[in-house]
Amino acid sequence: MARIGELGEFEELLLLAVQAENGEAYGNSLLELLEQGAGRKASLGAIQITLERLEKKAFVESRWGDPLPERGGRRRRYYSITAQGATALEQAERTRERIRTGRRGWFRQSGEAA
């Protein structure tokens, strides 16, 4: 199992996108969300590989949906964020905030005088 603080930039963006989709995230929906929301171009293969990595870290979980209604319709694999994934995002945000506020912010958070 990975340590919570071990989120790369693309993993973090993808995890945020999965969280935003509320359990209905699948490859193409995430591709569109990353392009529109983050201005980030990615291949479907890169998204799938990263989702597999996030699943191994227990940050997301997946389930197979029903086949699509059109003839020969394929099943989608839907992803949702886990509690551990939500914690990883919260920790990443706290880390960014500490860096934004600099040393004075670190002292305030630890209870020491600035």
Protein backbone atom coordinates (compact mmCIF):
# COMPACT_ATOMS: atom_id res chain seq x y z
CA MET A 1 0.00 0.00 0.00
CA ALA A 2 1.29 3.46 -0.89
CA ARG A 3 1.81 6.26 1.56
CA ILE A 4 -0.89 8.90 1.31
CA GLY A 5 1.51 11.70 0.36
CA GLU A 6 2.63 9.90 -2.77
CA LEU A 7 0.41 11.52 -5.40
CA GLY A 8 1.89 12.71 -8.66
CA GLU A 9 0.41 15.73 -10.43
CA PHE A 10 -1.51 13.70 -13.02
CA GLU A 11 -2.69 11.25 -10.36
CA GLU A 12 -4.01 14.15 -8.30
CA LEU A 13 -5.86 15.69 -11.27
CA LEU A 14 -7.37 12.33 -12.17
CA LEU A 15 -8.37 11.65 -8.57
CA LEU A 16 -10.07 15.06 -8.41
CA ALA A 17 -11.92 14.24 -11.64
CA VAL A 18 -13.04 10.86 -10.27
CA GLN A 19 -14.29 12.58 -7.14
CA ALA A 20 -16.21 15.14 -9.20
CA GLU A 21 -18.00 12.42 -11.17
CA ASN A 22 -19.58 10.97 -7.98
CA GLY A 23 -19.10 7.28 -8.75
CA GLU A 24 -19.97 7.62 -12.44
CA ALA A 25 -16.43 8.24 -13.74
CA TYR A 26 -15.25 6.19 -16.72
CA GLY A 27 -12.39 6.62 -19.18
CA ASN A 28 -13.95 8.99 -21.72
CA SER A 29 -15.79 11.08 -19.12
CA LEU A 30 -12.49 11.60 -17.30
CA LEU A 31 -10.73 12.44 -20.56
CA GLU A 32 -13.30 15.17 -21.28
CA LEU A 33 -13.23 16.51 -17.73
CA LEU A 34 -9.43 16.78 -17.72
CA GLU A 35 -9.44 18.59 -21.05
CA GLN A 36 -12.25 20.99 -20.18
CA GLY A 37 -11.58 21.51 -16.47
CA ALA A 38 -7.78 21.45 -16.34
CA GLY A 39 -6.87 22.19 -19.94
CA ARG A 40 -4.88 18.96 -19.83
CA LYS A 41 -4.66 16.76 -22.92
CA ALA A 42 -4.18 13.08 -22.15
CA SER A 43 -4.60 9.81 -23.97
CA LEU A 44 -7.18 7.28 -22.90
CA GLY A 45 -4.32 4.84 -22.33
CA ALA A 46 -2.58 7.22 -19.91
CA ILE A 47 -5.84 7.62 -18.00
CA GLN A 48 -6.41 3.86 -17.80
CA ILE A 49 -2.86 3.15 -16.63
CA THR A 50 -3.11 5.87 -13.98
CA LEU A 51 -6.49 4.55 -12.81
CA GLU A 52 -4.95 1.09 -12.41
CA ARG A 53 -2.13 2.62 -10.35
CA LEU A 54 -4.62 4.54 -8.18
CA GLU A 55 -6.62 1.34 -7.68
CA LYS A 56 -3.48 -0.50 -6.54
CA LYS A 57 -2.87 2.32 -4.04
CA ALA A 58 -6.50 1.85 -2.86
CA PHE A 59 -7.34 5.48 -3.76
CA VAL A 60 -10.11 4.44 -6.20
CA GLU A 61 -12.30 1.39 -6.68
CA SER A 62 -14.03 0.22 -9.82
CA ARG A 63 -17.10 -1.67 -10.92
CA TRP A 64 -18.37 -2.84 -14.30
CA GLY A 65 -21.59 -1.30 -15.61
CA ASP A 66 -24.18 -2.90 -17.86
CA PRO A 67 -23.51 -3.10 -21.61
CA LEU A 68 -24.47 0.06 -23.50
CA PRO A 69 -27.88 -0.21 -25.22
CA GLU A 70 -26.62 -0.04 -28.82
CA ARG A 71 -25.97 -3.29 -30.63
CA GLY A 72 -22.68 -4.79 -29.53
CA GLY A 73 -22.46 -2.20 -26.76
CA ARG A 74 -19.50 -2.55 -24.46
CA ARG A 75 -19.58 -2.36 -20.71
CA ARG A 76 -18.03 0.65 -19.01
CA ARG A 77 -15.76 0.41 -16.03
CA TYR A 78 -16.85 3.01 -13.49
CA TYR A 79 -14.52 4.44 -10.86
CA SER A 80 -15.20 6.06 -7.51
CA ILE A 81 -12.89 7.56 -4.93
CA THR A 82 -12.27 5.71 -1.67
CA ALA A 83 -11.92 7.21 1.79
CA GLN A 84 -8.15 6.73 1.48
CA GLY A 85 -8.20 8.59 -1.87
CA ALA A 86 -10.16 11.48 -0.33
CA THR A 87 -7.60 11.63 2.49
CA ALA A 88 -4.78 11.74 -0.07
CA LEU A 89 -6.42 14.71 -1.79
CA GLU A 90 -6.89 16.51 1.53
CA GLN A 91 -3.25 15.94 2.44
CA ALA A 92 -2.10 17.21 -0.97
CA GLU A 93 -4.17 20.38 -0.45
CA ARG A 94 -2.73 20.91 3.03
CA THR A 95 0.78 20.51 1.63
CA ARG A 96 0.10 23.12 -1.07
CA GLU A 97 -1.34 25.48 1.53
CA ARG A 98 1.74 25.13 3.78
CA ILE A 99 3.97 25.96 0.83
CA ARG A 100 1.76 28.92 -0.18
CA THR A 101 1.88 30.42 3.29
CA GLY A 102 5.59 29.76 3.79
CA ARG A 103 7.27 29.33 7.13
CA ARG A 104 4.89 31.68 8.93
CA GLY A 105 2.01 29.36 8.00
CA TRP A 106 3.90 26.35 9.33
CA PHE A 107 4.42 28.02 12.69
CA ARG A 108 0.76 29.00 12.96
CA GLN A 109 -0.38 25.46 12.15
CA SER A 110 1.96 23.85 14.67
CA GLY A 111 0.90 26.25 17.42
CA GLU A 112 4.25 28.05 17.68
CA ALA A 113 4.62 31.82 17.53
CA ALA A 114 5.32 33.27 14.08
